[in-house]
């Protein structure tokens, strides 16, 4: 009798636990299977689904940048400190001998240690004949007693070839004739033609930078073209390898042109990156006058906006929105006269299907007026 009672006492807690678990499962099944949704749907009228919010197509105002974008060309220009121009040296007048008949007023002494270096029309240069029967004259500086040829600083300096052959060869290269073809036509070595091309390109660059400055235009079109260039990096490859790979090196050609006068303001070659865009816009800014802010027109390349904002921007202190608290941080904003628009073209199967205009800086009325 006592053994049976003990077993009943031991099994009672297990029975109550199983009963409690069964009740919990029953409540859960009723909660899941009970048709709450049907009764609520039948009792209430269905509400229409609100339409999705459409994004506004109006352009948002530019809020500015917290830091000025970095331009390597501007950093190098800031590090370079040109020497302050000293007082002009005295004009030298030769009183002995016969009067000079050779005009040397446009020549200057190339010796950087000479006090007359870079000064034109000071009377320190005189002609010294044609030594060795060469066609070019030899000049002498009276101040430092140095000699130099009349062709110093030009592609003709130190050349044994006649100027006519050099001019015709460079003209053939400019018309698109290859280096080896020019070498065969003029019966010279291809390495010689390559040296001519490099020297003429450097001279043309220096000539353009000397005469092309403080330009005032109303529009500037910037574009980059994927083409086959004839460019050689100094020391990167040998001369023979450069000639072989010269016309097979894909590069991007960056061009800035005034559409009204068809004047090429700048031409650069490089990759299609932000650093190259900064360098290219820096060159354009150096050519334009400091107070000239024309209308810039580009394609949809997004790095142009950063490059233009770097060179045509200024710091602006935003107004405070609250009476208390710290002042807002200054923002790098575009200048008030900066106008920049993009012309985005959509091409499918080599056919132009759509043109879209987008005003980035400025107003549409100001752009259309220009």
Protein backbone atom coordinates (compact mmCIF):
# COMPACT_ATOMS: atom_id res chain seq x y z
CA UNK A 1 0.00 0.00 0.00
CA UNK A 2 2.79 2.40 0.87
CA UNK A 3 4.64 1.52 -2.35
CA UNK A 4 1.61 2.37 -4.50
CA UNK A 5 1.18 5.71 -2.73
CA UNK A 6 4.83 6.56 -3.31
CA UNK A 7 4.56 5.92 -7.05
CA UNK A 8 1.45 8.14 -7.27
CA UNK A 9 3.28 10.95 -5.47
CA UNK A 10 6.23 10.67 -7.87
CA UNK A 11 4.07 10.66 -11.04
CA UNK A 12 1.86 13.61 -9.98
CA UNK A 13 4.44 16.38 -10.83
CA UNK A 14 5.06 14.86 -14.25
CA UNK A 15 1.33 14.78 -14.92
CA UNK A 16 0.90 18.47 -14.04
CA UNK A 17 3.87 19.44 -16.20
CA UNK A 18 2.45 17.59 -19.20
CA UNK A 19 -0.93 19.21 -18.60
CA UNK A 20 0.61 22.68 -18.50
CA UNK A 21 2.55 22.02 -21.69
CA UNK A 22 -0.61 20.83 -23.45
CA UNK A 23 -2.47 24.01 -22.45
CA UNK A 24 0.36 26.20 -23.79
CA UNK A 25 0.37 24.35 -27.13
CA UNK A 26 -3.41 24.63 -27.36
CA UNK A 27 -3.30 28.40 -26.80
CA UNK A 28 -0.57 28.82 -29.40
CA UNK A 29 -2.52 26.82 -32.01
CA UNK A 30 -5.68 28.84 -31.36
CA UNK A 31 -3.76 32.09 -31.72
CA UNK A 32 -2.26 30.99 -35.04
CA UNK A 33 -5.30 29.33 -36.59
CA UNK A 34 -8.00 31.75 -35.40
CA UNK A 35 -9.19 33.87 -38.42
CA UNK A 36 -8.47 37.35 -37.05
CA UNK A 37 -7.61 38.75 -40.49
CA UNK A 38 -10.85 37.54 -42.10
CA UNK A 39 -13.11 39.03 -39.47
CA UNK A 40 -11.27 42.35 -39.51
CA UNK A 41 -11.29 42.42 -43.32
CA UNK A 42 -15.04 41.78 -43.44
CA UNK A 43 -15.84 44.29 -40.75
CA UNK A 44 -13.80 47.22 -42.12
CA UNK A 45 -13.53 48.72 -45.60
CA UNK A 46 -10.19 48.23 -47.41
CA UNK A 47 -7.91 51.26 -47.40
CA UNK A 48 -6.23 52.18 -50.72
CA UNK A 49 -2.47 51.76 -50.85
CA UNK A 50 -0.75 55.15 -50.91
CA UNK A 51 1.29 55.77 -54.10
CA UNK A 52 5.07 55.65 -53.75
CA UNK A 53 6.75 58.98 -53.20
CA UNK A 54 8.38 60.32 -56.34
CA UNK A 55 11.78 61.86 -56.13
CA UNK A 56 12.01 65.47 -57.07
CA UNK A 57 13.83 66.08 -60.32
CA UNK A 58 14.75 69.60 -59.33
CA UNK A 59 18.54 69.97 -58.84
CA UNK A 60 19.55 70.35 -55.23
CA UNK A 61 21.66 73.39 -54.36
CA UNK A 62 25.36 72.75 -53.91
CA UNK A 63 26.17 72.79 -50.18
CA UNK A 64 29.92 73.19 -50.58
CA UNK A 65 32.93 71.22 -49.40
CA UNK A 66 34.53 71.20 -45.99
CA UNK A 67 38.05 71.09 -47.48
CA UNK A 68 39.56 72.41 -50.67
CA UNK A 69 40.33 69.64 -53.21
CA UNK A 70 44.00 68.90 -53.74
CA UNK A 71 45.72 69.86 -57.00
CA UNK A 72 49.31 68.69 -57.48
CA UNK A 73 49.97 71.32 -60.17
CA UNK A 74 48.94 74.11 -57.81
CA UNK A 75 51.12 72.65 -55.06
CA UNK A 76 54.17 72.55 -57.34
CA UNK A 77 53.48 76.09 -58.53
CA UNK A 78 53.29 77.29 -54.92
CA UNK A 79 56.60 75.59 -54.08
CA UNK A 80 58.31 77.27 -57.02
CA UNK A 81 59.36 80.76 -56.05
CA UNK A 82 60.72 82.71 -59.03
CA UNK A 83 63.48 85.16 -58.35
CA UNK A 84 62.46 88.74 -57.91
CA UNK A 85 63.32 90.83 -60.97
CA UNK A 86 66.40 92.91 -60.26
CA UNK A 87 67.12 96.34 -61.61
CA UNK A 88 67.90 96.35 -65.35
CA UNK A 89 71.62 96.48 -66.13
CA UNK A 90 72.97 99.62 -67.80
CA UNK A 91 72.80 99.99 -71.56
CA UNK A 92 76.19 99.45 -73.16
CA UNK A 93 77.20 101.73 -76.02
CA UNK A 94 80.19 100.91 -78.17
CA UNK A 95 82.06 104.05 -79.24
CA UNK A 96 85.08 102.42 -80.87
CA UNK A 97 85.26 101.01 -84.35
CA UNK A 98 82.72 101.26 -87.10
CA UNK A 99 79.00 101.34 -86.50
CA UNK A 100 77.33 97.96 -86.11
CA UNK A 101 75.20 96.83 -89.03
CA UNK A 102 73.86 93.57 -87.58
CA UNK A 103 70.73 94.01 -85.45
CA UNK A 104 71.12 92.07 -82.18
CA UNK A 105 68.49 93.87 -80.13
CA UNK A 106 66.29 90.73 -79.94
CA UNK A 107 69.11 88.53 -78.58
CA UNK A 108 70.07 88.05 -74.94
CA UNK A 109 72.91 86.32 -73.15
CA UNK A 110 72.06 82.66 -72.33
CA UNK A 111 74.53 82.49 -69.42
CA UNK A 112 72.50 82.48 -66.19
CA UNK A 113 75.48 83.79 -64.19
CA UNK A 114 75.71 86.87 -66.39
CA UNK A 115 74.08 90.09 -65.13
CA UNK A 116 72.55 90.60 -68.60
CA UNK A 117 70.87 87.18 -68.65
CA UNK A 118 67.33 87.48 -70.02
CA UNK A 119 67.60 91.20 -70.81
CA UNK A 120 66.92 92.24 -74.40
CA UNK A 121 68.05 95.45 -76.09
CA UNK A 122 70.80 96.43 -73.59
CA UNK A 123 73.56 96.70 -76.20
CA UNK A 124 75.66 93.86 -74.75
CA UNK A 125 75.34 91.49 -77.74
CA UNK A 126 77.48 91.85 -80.85
CA UNK A 127 77.98 89.73 -83.95
CA UNK A 128 81.15 87.69 -84.37
CA UNK A 129 80.85 86.51 -87.98
CA UNK A 130 80.34 82.98 -89.30
CA UNK A 131 83.00 80.71 -87.74
CA UNK A 132 83.75 77.58 -89.77
CA UNK A 133 81.74 78.80 -92.72
CA UNK A 134 78.46 77.85 -91.04
CA UNK A 135 75.25 79.55 -92.21
CA UNK A 136 74.35 80.85 -88.75
CA UNK A 137 76.10 83.73 -87.03
CA UNK A 138 78.01 83.55 -83.80
CA UNK A 139 77.17 86.13 -81.14
CA UNK A 140 79.17 87.37 -78.17
CA UNK A 141 78.15 88.98 -74.90
CA UNK A 142 80.42 91.93 -74.06
CA UNK A 143 79.66 91.64 -70.34
CA UNK A 144 80.66 87.99 -69.71
CA UNK A 145 82.65 87.51 -72.97
CA UNK A 146 80.66 84.36 -73.73
CA UNK A 147 79.94 83.04 -77.25
CA UNK A 148 76.78 81.38 -78.50
CA UNK A 149 75.14 80.67 -81.82
CA UNK A 150 72.30 82.63 -83.29
CA UNK A 151 70.08 79.54 -83.23
CA UNK A 152 70.47 78.99 -79.48
CA UNK A 153 67.13 78.03 -77.94
CA UNK A 154 65.57 76.85 -81.21
CA UNK A 155 65.21 73.35 -82.74
CA UNK A 156 67.86 74.34 -85.30
CA UNK A 157 70.58 74.67 -82.67
CA UNK A 158 73.40 72.18 -83.20
CA UNK A 159 71.83 70.62 -86.31
CA UNK A 160 73.91 69.81 -89.37
CA UNK A 161 70.85 69.28 -91.52
CA UNK A 162 69.53 72.19 -93.56
CA UNK A 163 66.58 74.12 -92.11
CA UNK A 164 64.43 73.27 -95.14
CA UNK A 165 64.72 69.52 -94.55
CA UNK A 166 63.99 69.89 -90.85
CA UNK A 167 60.92 72.03 -91.51
CA UNK A 168 59.58 69.64 -94.17
CA UNK A 169 60.19 66.62 -91.92
CA UNK A 170 58.37 68.19 -88.98
CA UNK A 171 55.53 69.18 -91.31
CA UNK A 172 55.24 65.60 -92.52
CA UNK A 173 55.08 64.38 -88.91
CA UNK A 174 52.37 66.93 -88.14
CA UNK A 175 50.35 65.67 -91.11
CA UNK A 176 50.34 62.15 -89.66
CA UNK A 177 53.22 60.49 -91.49
CA UNK A 178 55.02 57.89 -89.37
CA UNK A 179 58.54 58.25 -88.05
CA UNK A 180 60.00 55.46 -90.15
CA UNK A 181 58.25 56.80 -93.25
CA UNK A 182 59.71 60.27 -92.68
CA UNK A 183 63.14 58.69 -92.17
CA UNK A 184 62.86 56.88 -95.51
CA UNK A 185 61.65 59.96 -97.39
CA UNK A 186 64.39 62.27 -96.11
CA UNK A 187 67.06 59.55 -95.93
CA UNK A 188 67.90 59.94 -92.25
CA UNK A 189 67.98 57.61 -89.27
CA UNK A 190 64.65 57.02 -87.45
CA UNK A 191 66.30 57.93 -84.13
CA UNK A 192 67.20 61.30 -85.64
CA UNK A 193 63.57 61.91 -86.62
CA UNK A 194 62.48 60.94 -83.11
CA UNK A 195 64.93 63.47 -81.62
CA UNK A 196 63.61 66.15 -83.97
CA UNK A 197 60.04 65.41 -82.90
CA UNK A 198 60.84 65.67 -79.19
CA UNK A 199 62.81 68.91 -79.55
CA UNK A 200 60.17 70.55 -81.74
CA UNK A 201 57.42 69.51 -79.32
CA UNK A 202 59.29 71.01 -76.35
CA UNK A 203 59.99 74.19 -78.30
CA UNK A 204 56.35 74.50 -79.40
CA UNK A 205 55.20 74.04 -75.80
CA UNK A 206 57.54 76.75 -74.54
CA UNK A 207 56.54 79.06 -77.40
CA UNK A 208 52.84 78.57 -76.65
CA UNK A 209 53.25 79.21 -72.93
CA UNK A 210 55.25 82.37 -73.59
CA UNK A 211 52.75 83.98 -75.96
CA UNK A 212 49.46 82.45 -74.80
CA UNK A 213 48.47 84.10 -71.53
CA UNK A 214 45.81 86.50 -70.17
CA UNK A 215 43.35 85.20 -72.76
CA UNK A 216 39.76 86.47 -72.44
CA UNK A 217 37.04 84.25 -73.85
CA UNK A 218 33.34 83.75 -73.14
CA UNK A 219 33.19 79.96 -73.60
CA UNK A 220 35.60 77.08 -73.10
CA UNK A 221 34.83 73.56 -74.25
CA UNK A 222 36.71 70.78 -72.44
CA UNK A 223 36.81 67.27 -73.82
CA UNK A 224 38.96 64.16 -73.64
CA UNK A 225 39.56 61.91 -76.62
CA UNK A 226 40.87 58.35 -76.71
CA UNK A 227 43.48 58.27 -79.46
CA UNK A 228 46.88 56.93 -80.48
CA UNK A 229 49.53 59.41 -79.45
CA UNK A 230 53.13 59.94 -80.40
CA UNK A 231 54.61 60.56 -76.96
CA UNK A 232 57.82 59.37 -75.34
CA UNK A 233 58.67 59.57 -71.68
CA UNK A 234 62.22 60.54 -70.89
CA UNK A 235 64.22 57.47 -69.95
CA UNK A 236 61.20 55.17 -69.77
CA UNK A 237 62.02 53.14 -72.89
CA UNK A 238 64.85 52.99 -75.36
CA UNK A 239 64.78 54.89 -78.64
CA UNK A 240 64.28 51.75 -80.74
CA UNK A 241 61.44 50.51 -78.56
CA UNK A 242 59.88 53.96 -78.50
CA UNK A 243 59.79 54.11 -82.29
CA UNK A 244 58.20 50.66 -82.43
CA UNK A 245 55.52 51.43 -79.85
CA UNK A 246 55.05 55.09 -80.63
CA UNK A 247 51.92 54.81 -82.71
CA UNK A 248 50.41 51.98 -80.65
CA UNK A 249 50.22 53.58 -77.22
CA UNK A 250 46.59 54.29 -76.27
CA UNK A 251 46.22 57.50 -74.29
CA UNK A 252 43.62 60.13 -73.55
CA UNK A 253 44.02 63.50 -75.24
CA UNK A 254 42.61 66.40 -73.18
CA UNK A 255 41.68 69.43 -75.30
CA UNK A 256 40.36 72.87 -74.32
CA UNK A 257 39.12 75.07 -77.16
CA UNK A 258 37.37 78.39 -77.59
CA UNK A 259 34.41 77.54 -79.89
CA UNK A 260 34.16 81.09 -81.23
CA UNK A 261 37.75 81.74 -82.32
CA UNK A 262 38.73 78.01 -82.57
CA UNK A 263 41.78 78.76 -80.40
CA UNK A 264 43.32 75.75 -78.67
CA UNK A 265 43.90 76.86 -75.10
CA UNK A 266 45.51 73.69 -73.75
CA UNK A 267 46.35 70.16 -74.88
CA UNK A 268 47.45 67.45 -72.45
CA UNK A 269 47.84 63.69 -72.59
CA UNK A 270 47.24 61.26 -69.76
CA UNK A 271 44.83 58.90 -68.07
CA UNK A 272 41.18 59.72 -67.46
CA UNK A 273 41.52 60.36 -63.71
CA UNK A 274 40.88 63.12 -61.21
CA UNK A 275 44.58 63.99 -60.96
CA UNK A 276 44.77 64.48 -64.73
CA UNK A 277 41.60 66.56 -64.72
CA UNK A 278 43.09 68.78 -62.01
CA UNK A 279 46.30 69.23 -64.00
CA UNK A 280 44.40 69.98 -67.21
CA UNK A 281 42.11 72.59 -65.64
CA UNK A 282 45.19 74.11 -63.98
CA UNK A 283 46.77 74.63 -67.41
CA UNK A 284 43.56 76.22 -68.70
CA UNK A 285 43.43 78.55 -65.69
CA UNK A 286 47.04 79.60 -66.32
CA UNK A 287 46.19 80.58 -69.90
CA UNK A 288 43.05 82.56 -69.05
CA UNK A 289 43.15 85.99 -67.46
CA UNK A 290 42.84 86.03 -63.65
CA UNK A 291 39.50 87.86 -63.74
CA UNK A 292 38.10 85.82 -66.65
CA UNK A 293 35.43 83.28 -65.70
CA UNK A 294 33.94 81.91 -68.93
CA UNK A 295 31.23 79.33 -69.44
CA UNK A 296 32.77 75.86 -69.19
CA UNK A 297 31.14 73.10 -71.23
CA UNK A 298 32.13 69.44 -70.77
CA UNK A 299 30.75 65.96 -71.15
CA UNK A 300 29.40 63.91 -68.25
CA UNK A 301 32.82 63.16 -66.73
CA UNK A 302 32.21 63.85 -63.03
CA UNK A 303 35.81 64.80 -62.17
CA UNK A 304 35.51 68.05 -64.12
CA UNK A 305 33.29 69.50 -61.39
CA UNK A 306 35.92 68.89 -58.71
CA UNK A 307 38.70 70.29 -60.89
CA UNK A 308 36.76 73.46 -61.77
CA UNK A 309 35.69 73.92 -58.17
CA UNK A 310 39.34 73.68 -57.07
CA UNK A 311 40.54 76.51 -59.33
CA UNK A 312 37.41 78.67 -59.36
CA UNK A 313 36.25 78.43 -55.76
CA UNK A 314 36.56 80.39 -52.51
CA UNK A 315 35.77 79.98 -48.83
CA UNK A 316 32.30 81.04 -47.66
CA UNK A 317 31.18 81.30 -44.03
CA UNK A 318 27.56 80.02 -43.76
CA UNK A 319 25.08 81.97 -41.66
CA UNK A 320 24.08 80.68 -38.25
CA UNK A 321 20.70 78.95 -38.02
CA UNK A 322 20.51 78.96 -34.23
CA UNK A 323 21.14 81.65 -31.67
CA UNK A 324 23.32 79.39 -29.54
CA UNK A 325 25.94 76.82 -30.33
CA UNK A 326 29.16 76.85 -32.33
CA UNK A 327 29.52 78.64 -35.65
CA UNK A 328 29.11 76.44 -38.76
CA UNK A 329 32.28 75.44 -40.52
CA UNK A 330 33.29 77.42 -43.64
CA UNK A 331 32.48 75.83 -46.97
CA UNK A 332 34.47 75.78 -50.20
CA UNK A 333 31.97 77.14 -52.72
CA UNK A 334 32.18 78.06 -56.43
CA UNK A 335 32.69 81.70 -57.32
CA UNK A 336 29.62 83.76 -58.05
CA UNK A 337 30.54 84.20 -61.72
CA UNK A 338 31.38 80.55 -62.42
CA UNK A 339 29.16 78.95 -65.06
CA UNK A 340 29.48 75.24 -65.74
CA UNK A 341 27.18 73.03 -67.81
CA UNK A 342 27.41 69.46 -69.07
CA UNK A 343 26.30 68.01 -72.40
CA UNK A 344 25.66 64.29 -71.87
CA UNK A 345 25.35 62.23 -75.05
CA UNK A 346 23.85 58.76 -75.21
CA UNK A 347 25.23 56.57 -78.00
CA UNK A 348 23.85 53.16 -78.94
CA UNK A 349 25.45 51.08 -81.63
CA UNK A 350 27.60 54.01 -82.69
CA UNK A 351 24.57 56.21 -83.20
CA UNK A 352 23.62 59.30 -81.20
CA UNK A 353 20.17 58.72 -79.71
CA UNK A 354 19.83 61.39 -77.00
CA UNK A 355 21.44 64.62 -75.80
CA UNK A 356 20.87 65.85 -72.26
CA UNK A 357 21.92 69.25 -70.90
CA UNK A 358 22.71 69.75 -67.24
CA UNK A 359 23.60 72.99 -65.43
CA UNK A 360 26.03 72.31 -62.57
CA UNK A 361 27.12 75.80 -61.46
CA UNK A 362 25.14 78.92 -62.22
CA UNK A 363 21.64 79.33 -63.57
CA UNK A 364 20.03 78.21 -66.79
CA UNK A 365 19.23 81.81 -67.74
CA UNK A 366 22.88 82.86 -67.35
CA UNK A 367 24.09 79.87 -69.39
CA UNK A 368 21.62 80.52 -72.19
CA UNK A 369 22.60 84.17 -72.27
CA UNK A 370 26.24 83.25 -72.90
